[in-house]
Amino acid sequence: MPTIELENSPAIAVVLMNKTLKVLVADPISPKGVELLKQRGFDTVEAYGSTPEQVKELIKDADAVIVRSETKITADVLACAKKLKAVGRAGVGVDNIDIPAASENGVVVMNTPTGNTIATAELTFTHMLCGTRPIAQANASIHSGVWDRKSFKGSELKNKVLAVLGMGRIGAEVAKRAMAFGMKVIAYDPFLTEARAKTLGVDMVQLEDAFRRADYITVHMPLTEATKYMIDEKAFEMMKKGVRVFNCARGGIIKESALVDALKSGKVAAAGLDVYESEPLAKDSPLRDFPNLVLTPHLGASTKEAQESCGIEVAEVIADALMSGAIRNAINKPSIDAESMKQISPYIVLCEKLGLFVQQISSERVEKLTIKYFGKLGDIDNKLLTLAVQKGYLSKITENANDVNAPAKIKHLGIEVESINSNAEVDYSELVEVTATCEKGAVHSAAGTVTGKSAKPRIVQIGNHQMEINPCGFCIMVLKNQDTPGMVGVIGTILGKYGCNIANMSLSREEGTGKALSAFELDGVPNAKALEELKALAQVEAVKVVDFS
């Protein structure tokens, strides 16, 4: 029996039957993680230390790949991976994964942000302690046979000001340890709320204020365009003389040449780095010349506990994604657990059908899609539903559209997407309305809901017309005509003449205009001759066919 894709789940949701899905483990993870994949029935291929060319070959038939920081998942690699659905990163940073290329190819990228939190926080604090008391230097001295107490005078952490740049999980753990040592913690994070800062016991400050006030600075942010070289020459100029600076997050947040100059001038009294602009660190790097700069070779997650935790977590997120459609810790797609996925699945189907419907009834080029959520749907995070609308809209006009690459494909078409949570009163407890605005001003819309105990998607409105249509059938023909006696019979006769059976129909009049809109659920797409005869009728103004197959 073949692999079956679940209709009510995202494209990557798969039921494992006789066909086994392949997971390529390109970098070493905990044996417990590998064993978990094997127990779940995956063909698990361990290929540690593979060259880029070997990875390209191995990934050709892989459904998922797991990496740490060594293997690079580039656009070239992704181009070879025709079956790939997911990339799992055993760790936090995804610098070695081409996220835009993964999204273009419809591949979800997930990391494990919690597995190495404590390990990285503790390493950061170890660097801070080593930058306060010259433990590493004293150790090297005594190992070389020297007994020198005078050269290794240190300082104390108590009452010093620590600036934490980035108050995510790791930054929060560092702040907690700093406060236990009697430090005053200030924090810069553009996404941190006042309420969260109060809970953590830190003072929120602007970045320049953090530079000016801090005795110690530690960074815990991803490397982005906004954070690259966040600490550069200008930043060091703002800092106190004798400041201590640490980076166990991502290389490139601190500009290394600027740090070298600050160490030479004495502006920086001590520093610690676990990450670098280029790794491994070059043998002739000037960073190696400073005894007051402690260097470690990217050891943030290098504890037994962290490696085991990350290995198990990455195996679980990959297994859940492939087997149930549950998405956790996704970088390029909203996350959702299996239970929530089950509850929201009927609405995902509805949204896909609405997107497909408005695309096929729009006769001109669409410039904008507006998705409005009413009732209870207006109170939840609707990102997955908005993705479903985009996926449905694209399904007949582009290849391989899914809920990961749909936003990029929609953007390439020049279509703006707007999502609105509305508190307007409607006749349904939940309602989704999708409106397509065309370049010449035409507007086409459809709205739907989910009904009954079986949670069946229904289109309940086309434009201003109240109707009820099953969008999960084969085909719907929408016809606008003069509301004259016998029209339904005439339409039925023409369809029957060409062997097209009517499964159901819904009709709505336009009050005061003498016109009507009717929707026919058909068992097949009417052929060209049937459509020509229908369009030739004097009473018929327009005919649109929506193919749901």
Protein backbone atom coordinates (compact mmCIF):
# COMPACT_ATOMS: atom_id res chain seq x y z
CA MET A 1 0.00 0.00 0.00
CA PRO A 2 1.52 3.39 -0.93
CA THR A 3 2.32 6.30 1.34
CA ILE A 4 -0.79 8.36 1.95
CA GLU A 5 -0.83 12.14 2.35
CA LEU A 6 -3.39 13.25 4.90
CA GLU A 7 -5.98 15.52 3.28
CA ASN A 8 -6.50 17.50 6.46
CA SER A 9 -2.83 18.09 7.23
CA PRO A 10 -0.02 20.12 5.65
CA ALA A 11 1.81 18.69 2.68
CA ILE A 12 4.51 17.15 4.84
CA ALA A 13 2.09 15.12 6.95
CA VAL A 14 2.65 11.48 6.07
CA VAL A 15 1.32 8.14 7.27
CA LEU A 16 4.04 5.53 7.19
CA MET A 17 2.75 2.41 5.48
CA ASN A 18 4.88 -0.06 3.55
CA LYS A 19 7.07 2.69 2.18
CA THR A 20 9.78 3.81 4.60
CA LEU A 21 10.80 7.45 4.71
CA LYS A 22 14.50 8.27 4.68
CA VAL A 23 16.13 10.56 7.23
CA LEU A 24 19.74 11.55 6.49
CA VAL A 25 21.71 12.29 9.66
CA ALA A 26 24.60 14.28 8.19
CA ASP A 27 26.29 15.34 11.45
CA PRO A 28 26.74 13.37 14.69
CA ILE A 29 23.86 13.60 17.16
CA SER A 30 23.13 11.67 20.33
CA PRO A 31 22.76 7.90 19.72
CA LYS A 32 19.44 8.17 21.56
CA GLY A 33 18.19 10.50 18.83
CA VAL A 34 19.26 8.11 16.10
CA GLU A 35 17.64 5.21 17.93
CA LEU A 36 14.39 7.18 18.29
CA LEU A 37 14.24 7.64 14.50
CA LYS A 38 14.85 3.95 13.90
CA GLN A 39 12.18 2.98 16.43
CA ARG A 40 9.69 5.23 14.62
CA GLY A 41 10.32 3.22 11.45
CA PHE A 42 12.49 5.62 9.46
CA ASP A 43 15.30 4.50 7.17
CA THR A 44 17.98 6.33 9.14
CA VAL A 45 21.25 6.94 7.28
CA GLU A 46 24.20 8.15 9.35
CA ALA A 47 26.71 9.90 7.07
CA TYR A 48 29.04 11.81 9.35
CA GLY A 49 31.95 13.65 7.77
CA SER A 50 30.55 13.49 4.24
CA THR A 51 31.90 15.88 1.63
CA PRO A 52 29.52 18.39 -0.02
CA GLU A 53 29.37 16.18 -3.11
CA GLN A 54 28.56 13.12 -1.02
CA VAL A 55 25.81 15.05 0.77
CA LYS A 56 24.30 16.00 -2.61
CA GLU A 57 24.19 12.34 -3.58
CA LEU A 58 22.83 11.07 -0.26
CA ILE A 59 20.11 13.72 -0.03
CA LYS A 60 18.58 12.93 -3.44
CA ASP A 61 16.02 10.49 -2.01
CA ALA A 62 15.90 11.81 1.57
CA ASP A 63 12.64 13.01 3.10
CA ALA A 64 14.46 14.87 5.88
CA VAL A 65 18.01 15.75 6.87
CA ILE A 66 19.49 16.45 10.30
CA VAL A 67 22.60 18.61 10.72
CA ARG A 68 24.56 20.38 13.40
CA SER A 69 26.96 23.17 12.38
CA GLU A 70 29.34 21.18 10.17
CA THR A 71 27.25 20.23 7.12
CA LYS A 72 26.03 23.12 4.99
CA ILE A 73 22.59 22.88 3.42
CA THR A 74 23.09 25.25 0.50
CA ALA A 75 20.91 26.10 -2.47
CA ASP A 76 22.95 23.62 -4.53
CA VAL A 77 22.31 20.86 -2.01
CA LEU A 78 18.60 21.67 -1.86
CA ALA A 79 18.40 21.57 -5.67
CA CYS A 80 19.43 17.91 -5.49
CA ALA A 81 16.87 17.06 -2.80
CA LYS A 82 13.72 16.46 -4.81
CA LYS A 83 11.87 14.66 -1.99
CA LEU A 84 13.09 16.73 0.95
CA LYS A 85 10.38 18.00 3.27
CA ALA A 86 12.28 19.07 6.39
CA VAL A 87 15.70 20.10 7.70
CA GLY A 88 16.39 19.66 11.41
CA ARG A 89 19.20 21.57 13.13
CA ALA A 90 20.48 20.00 16.35
CA GLY A 91 21.16 23.37 17.96
CA VAL A 92 19.99 26.96 17.68
CA GLY A 93 21.96 28.66 14.91
CA VAL A 94 20.97 28.02 11.30
CA ASP A 95 23.81 29.92 9.61
CA ASN A 96 24.75 26.76 7.71
CA ILE A 97 21.26 26.42 6.17
CA ASP A 98 20.10 28.57 3.25
CA ILE A 99 16.69 29.52 4.66
CA PRO A 100 15.42 31.43 1.58
CA ALA A 101 16.40 28.53 -0.70
CA ALA A 102 14.72 26.04 1.65
CA SER A 103 11.54 28.13 1.64
CA GLU A 104 11.62 28.41 -2.16
CA ASN A 105 11.83 24.62 -2.34
CA GLY A 106 9.01 24.13 0.17
CA VAL A 107 11.29 22.68 2.84
CA VAL A 108 10.53 23.50 6.47
CA VAL A 109 13.57 24.27 8.65
CA MET A 110 13.39 23.50 12.38
CA ASN A 111 15.95 23.95 15.15
CA THR A 112 16.23 22.94 18.82
CA PRO A 113 16.33 26.18 20.80
CA THR A 114 15.92 24.67 24.25
CA GLY A 115 18.43 21.82 24.17
CA ASN A 116 21.60 23.86 24.66
CA THR A 117 20.17 26.79 26.63
CA ILE A 118 21.78 25.94 29.97
CA ALA A 119 25.05 24.79 28.40
CA THR A 120 25.51 28.06 26.50
CA ALA A 121 24.43 30.19 29.45
CA GLU A 122 26.92 28.42 31.72
CA LEU A 123 29.72 28.76 29.16
CA THR A 124 28.97 32.48 28.86
CA PHE A 125 29.17 32.89 32.60
CA THR A 126 32.40 30.89 32.67
CA HIS A 127 33.85 33.37 30.16
CA MET A 128 32.65 36.25 32.32
CA LEU A 129 34.35 34.74 35.37
CA CYS A 130 37.55 34.14 33.40
CA GLY A 131 37.41 37.76 32.22
CA THR A 132 37.07 38.88 35.85
CA ARG A 133 39.63 36.61 37.50
CA PRO A 134 42.48 35.59 35.12
CA ILE A 135 42.06 31.89 35.84
CA ALA A 136 43.12 30.65 32.41
CA GLN A 137 46.28 32.77 32.39
CA ALA A 138 47.23 31.79 35.93
CA ASN A 139 46.67 28.15 35.09
CA ALA A 140 48.95 28.39 32.03
CA SER A 141 51.60 30.14 34.13
CA ILE A 142 51.70 27.58 36.89
CA HIS A 143 51.69 24.71 34.40
CA SER A 144 54.78 26.25 32.83
CA GLY A 145 56.59 26.02 36.19
CA VAL A 146 56.12 29.63 37.36
CA TRP A 147 54.70 30.71 40.73
CA ASP A 148 53.51 34.29 40.14
CA ARG A 149 50.77 35.70 42.34
CA LYS A 150 51.31 39.39 41.56
CA SER A 151 50.52 39.24 37.82
CA PHE A 152 47.03 37.83 38.13
CA LYS A 153 45.10 40.35 40.15
CA GLY A 154 41.41 40.22 39.31
CA SER A 155 38.16 42.01 40.01
CA GLU A 156 34.69 41.16 41.37
CA LEU A 157 31.32 40.80 39.71
CA LYS A 158 29.33 42.20 42.62
CA ASN A 159 27.77 45.62 41.96
CA LYS A 160 28.96 45.67 38.34
CA VAL A 161 26.52 46.50 35.51
CA LEU A 162 25.96 43.73 32.99
CA ALA A 163 24.32 44.57 29.66
CA VAL A 164 22.65 41.56 28.07
CA LEU A 165 21.99 42.14 24.39
CA GLY A 166 19.19 39.73 23.50
CA MET A 167 16.87 38.45 26.24
CA GLY A 168 15.78 35.15 24.80
CA ARG A 169 16.15 31.86 26.64
CA ILE A 170 19.94 32.03 26.93
CA GLY A 171 20.10 35.73 27.72
CA ALA A 172 17.51 35.25 30.48
CA GLU A 173 19.52 32.40 32.03
CA VAL A 174 22.70 34.50 31.97
CA ALA A 175 20.83 37.37 33.63
CA LYS A 176 19.56 35.03 36.34
CA ARG A 177 23.11 33.89 37.16
CA ALA A 178 24.44 37.44 37.08
CA MET A 179 21.87 38.62 39.61
CA ALA A 180 22.82 35.71 41.88
CA PHE A 181 26.34 37.17 41.87
CA GLY A 182 25.02 40.60 42.87
CA MET A 183 25.29 42.23 39.45
CA LYS A 184 22.84 44.86 38.16
CA VAL A 185 21.43 43.67 34.82
CA ILE A 186 20.28 45.95 32.04
CA ALA A 187 18.91 44.54 28.80
CA TYR A 188 18.55 45.56 25.18
CA ASP A 189 16.11 43.58 23.06
CA PRO A 190 13.78 45.26 20.55
CA PHE A 191 11.23 42.47 21.05
CA LEU A 192 11.26 42.42 24.87
CA THR A 193 8.10 43.74 26.55
CA GLU A 194 8.09 45.80 29.74
CA ALA A 195 6.07 43.08 31.46
CA ARG A 196 8.59 40.39 30.53
CA ALA A 197 11.52 42.58 31.61
CA LYS A 198 9.85 43.14 34.97
CA THR A 199 9.33 39.39 35.39
CA LEU A 200 13.03 38.78 34.64
CA GLY A 201 14.12 41.54 37.02
CA VAL A 202 16.06 43.51 34.40
CA ASP A 203 15.93 47.13 33.27
CA MET A 204 15.19 47.74 29.60
CA VAL A 205 17.50 50.21 27.86
CA GLN A 206 18.31 51.39 24.35
CA LEU A 207 21.41 49.96 22.67
CA GLU A 208 23.55 53.11 22.99
CA ASP A 209 22.61 53.40 26.67
CA ALA A 210 23.68 49.78 27.19
CA PHE A 211 27.08 50.52 25.62
CA ARG A 212 27.63 53.61 27.80
CA ARG A 213 26.52 52.14 31.13
CA ALA A 214 27.86 48.59 31.07
CA ASP A 215 30.90 47.21 32.88
CA TYR A 216 30.22 43.86 31.17
CA ILE A 217 28.52 43.20 27.83
CA THR A 218 27.34 39.82 26.55
CA VAL A 219 25.45 39.17 23.31
CA HIS A 220 22.73 36.56 22.79
CA MET A 221 21.18 37.37 19.42
CA PRO A 222 21.06 35.62 16.03
CA LEU A 223 23.31 36.92 13.27
CA THR A 224 21.12 39.00 10.96
CA GLU A 225 21.54 42.12 8.84
CA ALA A 226 20.48 44.11 11.89
CA THR A 227 22.93 42.45 14.31
CA LYS A 228 25.99 42.00 12.06
CA TYR A 229 28.79 44.14 13.50
CA MET A 230 26.42 45.45 16.17
CA ILE A 231 29.53 45.96 18.28
CA ASP A 232 31.91 47.85 16.00
CA GLU A 233 34.37 50.76 16.31
CA LYS A 234 31.58 53.24 16.99
CA ALA A 235 30.14 51.02 19.71
CA PHE A 236 33.51 50.61 21.44
CA GLU A 237 33.93 54.40 21.43
CA MET A 238 30.76 54.72 23.53
CA MET A 239 31.88 52.17 26.13
CA LYS A 240 33.60 52.74 29.45
CA LYS A 241 37.35 52.29 29.62
CA GLY A 242 37.96 48.85 31.09
CA VAL A 243 34.74 47.28 29.79
CA ARG A 244 34.60 43.49 29.43
CA VAL A 245 32.92 41.98 26.34
CA PHE A 246 31.76 38.41 25.63
CA ASN A 247 30.21 36.56 22.69
CA CYS A 248 29.01 32.97 22.88
CA ALA A 249 26.19 33.53 20.38
CA ARG A 250 27.17 34.09 16.73
CA GLY A 251 30.40 35.16 15.08
CA GLY A 252 30.07 38.49 13.32
CA ILE A 253 27.98 40.27 15.95
CA ILE A 254 31.24 41.67 17.33
CA LYS A 255 33.50 43.08 14.62
CA GLU A 256 36.77 41.31 15.30
CA SER A 257 39.05 44.03 13.89
CA ALA A 258 37.31 46.57 16.14
CA LEU A 259 37.77 44.30 19.16
CA VAL A 260 41.48 43.93 18.36
CA ASP A 261 41.86 47.73 18.33
CA ALA A 262 39.90 48.08 21.57
CA LEU A 263 42.10 45.48 23.28
CA LYS A 264 45.24 47.21 22.06
CA SER A 265 44.08 50.60 23.32
CA GLY A 266 43.01 49.27 26.69
CA LYS A 267 39.39 50.28 26.15
CA VAL A 268 38.53 46.59 26.67
CA ALA A 269 40.07 45.15 29.83
CA ALA A 270 39.17 41.55 29.02
CA ALA A 271 37.05 39.61 26.59
CA GLY A 272 35.89 36.12 25.79
CA LEU A 273 34.85 34.57 22.48
CA ASP A 274 33.39 31.18 21.66
CA VAL A 275 32.31 32.11 18.10
CA TYR A 276 34.10 33.83 15.24
CA GLU A 277 33.50 35.55 11.91
CA SER A 278 35.18 32.60 10.21
CA GLU A 279 35.55 29.16 11.77
CA PRO A 280 37.88 27.55 12.51
CA LEU A 281 39.81 30.60 13.67
CA ALA A 282 42.77 31.28 11.37
CA LYS A 283 46.18 30.40 12.78
CA ASP A 284 47.45 33.91 12.09
CA SER A 285 44.40 35.65 13.59
CA PRO A 286 45.44 38.68 15.71
CA LEU A 287 42.87 37.53 18.28
CA ARG A 288 45.40 34.93 19.37
CA ASP A 289 47.84 37.64 20.48
CA PHE A 290 46.00 38.88 23.58
CA PRO A 291 46.44 37.08 26.90
CA ASN A 292 43.39 38.93 28.29
CA LEU A 293 41.19 37.45 25.55
CA VAL A 294 39.97 33.93 26.37
CA LEU A 295 39.16 31.90 23.26
CA THR A 296 37.19 28.65 23.04
CA PRO A 297 36.44 26.66 19.85
CA HIS A 298 32.62 27.03 19.63
CA LEU A 299 31.84 24.96 22.71
CA GLY A 300 28.43 26.51 23.50
CA ALA A 301 26.49 23.27 23.22
CA SER A 302 29.38 20.95 24.01
CA THR A 303 28.13 19.28 27.15
CA LYS A 304 26.97 15.70 27.47
CA GLU A 305 23.54 16.85 28.61
CA ALA A 306 23.09 19.41 25.83
CA GLN A 307 24.16 17.03 23.08
CA GLU A 308 21.80 14.36 24.30
CA SER A 309 18.94 16.82 24.68
CA CYS A 310 19.47 18.39 21.22
CA GLY A 311 19.83 14.97 19.57
CA ILE A 312 16.60 13.67 21.03
CA GLU A 313 14.74 16.94 20.38
CA VAL A 314 15.77 17.19 16.72
CA ALA A 315 14.81 13.55 16.14
CA GLU A 316 11.41 14.19 17.72
CA VAL A 317 10.65 17.33 15.68
CA ILE A 318 11.60 15.59 12.43
CA ALA A 319 9.59 12.47 13.27
CA ASP A 320 6.52 14.49 14.29
CA ALA A 321 6.71 16.65 11.17
CA LEU A 322 6.88 13.69 8.81
CA MET A 323 4.32 11.53 10.60
CA SER A 324 1.64 13.92 11.88
CA GLY A 325 2.27 17.34 10.36
CA ALA A 326 3.11 18.83 13.77
CA ILE A 327 5.62 21.66 13.33
CA ARG A 328 7.76 22.81 16.26
CA ASN A 329 10.59 25.35 16.39
CA ALA A 330 10.20 26.18 12.70
CA ILE A 331 12.30 28.97 11.25
CA ASN A 332 10.30 29.48 8.03
CA LYS A 333 6.81 28.37 9.01
CA PRO A 334 4.52 28.89 12.03
CA SER A 335 4.86 26.13 14.61
CA ILE A 336 1.91 24.01 15.71
CA ASP A 337 1.61 20.92 17.90
CA ALA A 338 -0.15 17.73 16.84
CA GLU A 339 -3.32 18.33 18.88
CA SER A 340 -3.73 21.90 17.63
CA MET A 341 -3.06 20.67 14.11
CA LYS A 342 -5.90 18.19 14.45
CA GLN A 343 -8.30 20.90 15.61
CA ILE A 344 -7.37 23.45 12.96
CA SER A 345 -7.14 21.02 10.01
CA PRO A 346 -10.74 21.53 8.77
CA TYR A 347 -10.12 25.28 8.59
CA ILE A 348 -6.86 24.69 6.71
CA VAL A 349 -8.81 22.69 4.13
CA LEU A 350 -11.45 25.44 3.97
CA CYS A 351 -8.83 28.15 3.46
CA GLU A 352 -7.10 26.21 0.70
CA LYS A 353 -10.44 25.79 -1.09
CA LEU A 354 -11.28 29.49 -0.71
CA GLY A 355 -7.90 30.48 -2.13
CA LEU A 356 -8.37 28.12 -5.08
CA PHE A 357 -11.95 29.36 -5.60
CA VAL A 358 -11.15 33.09 -5.81
CA GLN A 359 -8.19 32.42 -8.10
CA GLN A 360 -10.40 30.64 -10.62
CA ILE A 361 -13.28 33.13 -10.55
CA SER A 362 -10.93 36.11 -11.00
CA SER A 363 -10.71 36.94 -14.70
CA GLU A 364 -8.04 39.66 -14.41
CA ARG A 365 -4.58 39.72 -12.85
CA VAL A 366 -4.89 39.82 -9.08
CA GLU A 367 -2.92 42.49 -7.22
CA LYS A 368 -4.02 41.81 -3.65
CA LEU A 369 -5.47 39.02 -1.51
CA THR A 370 -7.28 40.06 1.65
CA ILE A 371 -8.13 37.37 4.20
CA LYS A 372 -10.54 38.31 6.99
CA TYR A 373 -11.20 36.15 10.03
CA PHE A 374 -14.46 36.57 11.97
CA GLY A 375 -15.79 35.20 15.23
CA LYS A 376 -13.64 32.77 17.18
CA LEU A 377 -11.11 32.59 14.34
CA GLY A 378 -10.34 36.25 14.98
CA ASP A 379 -9.01 35.35 18.42
CA ILE A 380 -6.32 32.87 17.32
CA ASP A 381 -3.01 33.03 15.49
CA ASN A 382 -4.08 32.68 11.86
CA LYS A 383 -0.68 32.41 10.18
CA LEU A 384 -1.24 28.79 9.14
CA LEU A 385 -4.66 29.62 7.70
CA THR A 386 -3.24 32.53 5.71
CA LEU A 387 -0.57 30.18 4.36
CA ALA A 388 -3.31 27.74 3.36
CA VAL A 389 -5.15 30.44 1.38
CA GLN A 390 -1.94 31.27 -0.49
CA LYS A 391 -1.23 27.61 -1.15
CA GLY A 392 -4.75 27.08 -2.49
CA TYR A 393 -4.54 30.17 -4.68
CA LEU A 394 -1.32 28.88 -6.26
CA SER A 395 -2.30 25.23 -6.62
CA LYS A 396 -3.57 25.51 -10.22
CA ILE A 397 -1.14 28.11 -11.50
CA THR A 398 2.28 27.00 -10.25
CA GLU A 399 4.07 23.74 -9.56
CA ASN A 400 4.83 22.27 -6.14
CA ALA A 401 3.21 25.02 -4.08
CA ASN A 402 3.00 24.20 -0.41
CA ASP A 403 2.56 26.00 2.89
CA VAL A 404 6.27 26.75 3.18
CA ASN A 405 7.05 28.21 -0.24
CA ALA A 406 3.64 29.79 -0.92
CA PRO A 407 4.52 33.26 0.49
CA ALA A 408 7.66 33.46 -1.67
CA LYS A 409 5.77 32.35 -4.78
CA ILE A 410 2.95 34.81 -4.10
CA LYS A 411 5.52 37.59 -3.65
CA HIS A 412 7.18 36.68 -6.95
CA LEU A 413 3.80 37.18 -8.64
CA GLY A 414 3.63 40.68 -7.19
CA ILE A 415 0.54 39.91 -5.11
CA GLU A 416 0.12 41.67 -1.78
CA VAL A 417 -1.37 39.58 1.05
CA GLU A 418 -3.26 41.16 3.93
CA SER A 419 -4.59 39.25 6.94
CA ILE A 420 -7.23 40.90 9.15
CA ASN A 421 -8.84 39.76 12.40
CA SER A 422 -12.29 41.37 12.37
CA ASN A 423 -14.65 41.88 15.29
CA ALA A 424 -17.59 42.59 12.99
CA GLU A 425 -20.72 40.57 13.68
CA VAL A 426 -21.48 37.74 11.25
CA ASP A 427 -24.04 34.95 11.08
CA TYR A 428 -21.50 32.25 11.93
CA SER A 429 -19.36 31.53 14.98
CA GLU A 430 -16.37 31.24 12.66
CA LEU A 431 -16.04 32.68 9.17
CA VAL A 432 -13.19 33.21 6.72
CA GLU A 433 -13.55 35.64 3.82
CA VAL A 434 -11.04 35.82 0.95
CA THR A 435 -11.13 38.78 -1.41
CA ALA A 436 -9.11 39.14 -4.61
CA THR A 437 -8.62 42.70 -5.86
CA CYS A 438 -7.68 42.84 -9.54
CA GLU A 439 -5.48 45.36 -11.34
CA LYS A 440 -8.42 47.02 -13.13
CA GLY A 441 -10.46 47.33 -9.96
CA ALA A 442 -12.62 44.21 -10.16
CA VAL A 443 -13.21 42.50 -6.81
CA HIS A 444 -14.04 38.82 -6.32
CA SER A 445 -14.72 37.26 -2.93
CA ALA A 446 -15.88 34.11 -1.23
CA ALA A 447 -16.47 33.26 2.41
CA GLY A 448 -16.71 29.96 4.20
CA THR A 449 -17.06 28.15 7.48
CA VAL A 450 -16.93 24.66 8.96
CA THR A 451 -20.21 22.95 9.86
CA GLY A 452 -21.53 19.95 11.75
CA LYS A 453 -19.94 17.38 14.02
CA SER A 454 -17.85 16.14 11.14
CA ALA A 455 -16.46 19.68 10.63
CA LYS A 456 -17.18 19.89 6.91
CA PRO A 457 -15.88 22.96 5.05
CA ARG A 458 -18.60 24.97 3.32
CA ILE A 459 -18.55 28.06 1.10
CA VAL A 460 -21.47 30.13 2.36
CA GLN A 461 -21.08 33.35 0.40
CA ILE A 462 -19.91 34.40 -3.07
CA GLY A 463 -19.62 38.16 -3.34
CA ASN A 464 -22.79 39.47 -1.72
CA HIS A 465 -24.75 36.28 -2.41
CA GLN A 466 -25.62 33.92 0.44
CA MET A 467 -25.18 30.33 -0.74
CA GLU A 468 -24.07 26.95 0.53
CA ILE A 469 -21.55 24.98 -1.52
CA ASN A 470 -19.45 21.93 -0.79
CA PRO A 471 -15.91 22.88 -1.89
CA CYS A 472 -14.59 19.35 -1.43
CA GLY A 473 -16.33 17.97 -4.50
CA PHE A 474 -15.00 17.71 -8.02
CA CYS A 475 -16.15 20.91 -9.69
CA ILE A 476 -18.36 23.97 -9.17
CA MET A 477 -19.85 26.02 -11.98
CA VAL A 478 -20.86 29.56 -11.00
CA LEU A 479 -23.34 31.19 -13.35
CA LYS A 480 -24.79 34.72 -13.35
CA ASN A 481 -28.00 35.10 -15.33
CA GLN A 482 -31.32 36.89 -15.73
CA ASP A 483 -33.76 35.52 -13.17
CA THR A 484 -36.38 34.19 -15.55
CA PRO A 485 -38.62 31.12 -15.26
CA GLY A 486 -37.18 27.89 -16.59
CA MET A 487 -33.52 28.91 -16.48
CA VAL A 488 -32.51 26.10 -14.10
CA GLY A 489 -34.14 23.59 -16.44
CA VAL A 490 -32.38 25.02 -19.47
CA ILE A 491 -28.99 24.88 -17.74
CA GLY A 492 -29.63 21.32 -16.54
CA THR A 493 -30.65 20.22 -20.03
CA ILE A 494 -27.45 21.57 -21.59
CA LEU A 495 -25.24 19.98 -18.94
CA GLY A 496 -27.08 16.65 -19.29
CA LYS A 497 -26.74 16.80 -23.07
CA TYR A 498 -22.97 16.66 -22.66
CA GLY A 499 -22.98 14.03 -19.91
CA CYS A 500 -22.26 16.38 -16.99
CA ASN A 501 -24.24 15.39 -13.89
CA ILE A 502 -25.43 17.90 -11.27
CA ALA A 503 -24.74 16.74 -7.72
CA ASN A 504 -26.22 19.78 -5.99
CA MET A 505 -27.01 23.42 -6.58
CA SER A 506 -27.54 26.68 -4.72
CA LEU A 507 -29.24 29.82 -6.02
CA SER A 508 -29.31 33.39 -4.79
CA ARG A 509 -31.31 36.30 -6.23
CA GLU A 510 -30.19 39.92 -6.44
CA GLU A 511 -33.14 41.80 -5.03
CA GLY A 512 -34.52 44.44 -7.36
CA THR A 513 -32.21 43.65 -10.29
CA GLY A 514 -33.89 40.66 -11.88
CA LYS A 515 -30.61 38.76 -11.76
CA ALA A 516 -29.48 35.63 -9.95
CA LEU A 517 -26.28 33.82 -9.09
CA SER A 518 -26.32 30.05 -9.10
CA ALA A 519 -23.65 27.53 -8.17
CA PHE A 520 -23.80 23.99 -9.52
CA GLU A 521 -21.81 21.21 -7.87
CA LEU A 522 -20.87 18.90 -10.75
CA ASP A 523 -19.44 15.40 -10.96
CA GLY A 524 -17.04 16.51 -13.66
CA VAL A 525 -15.75 19.58 -15.47
CA PRO A 526 -18.13 20.51 -18.29
CA ASN A 527 -16.53 20.33 -21.71
CA ALA A 528 -15.92 23.30 -23.99
CA LYS A 529 -19.08 22.75 -26.08
CA ALA A 530 -21.30 22.75 -22.98
CA LEU A 531 -19.74 26.00 -21.78
CA GLU A 532 -20.11 27.58 -25.22
CA GLU A 533 -23.84 26.79 -25.28
CA LEU A 534 -24.32 28.14 -21.77
CA LYS A 535 -22.46 31.38 -22.54
CA ALA A 536 -24.47 31.77 -25.76
CA LEU A 537 -27.76 31.94 -23.86
CA ALA A 538 -29.16 35.47 -23.99
CA GLN A 539 -30.05 35.36 -20.28
CA VAL A 540 -26.52 34.34 -19.17
CA GLU A 541 -24.05 37.10 -18.31
CA ALA A 542 -21.08 35.07 -17.05
CA VAL A 543 -19.98 31.50 -16.42
CA LYS A 544 -17.03 30.48 -14.26
CA VAL A 545 -15.82 26.95 -13.62
CA VAL A 546 -13.87 26.09 -10.48
CA ASP A 547 -12.00 22.80 -10.71
CA PHE A 548 -11.28 21.37 -7.25
CA SER A 549 -9.69 18.15 -8.54
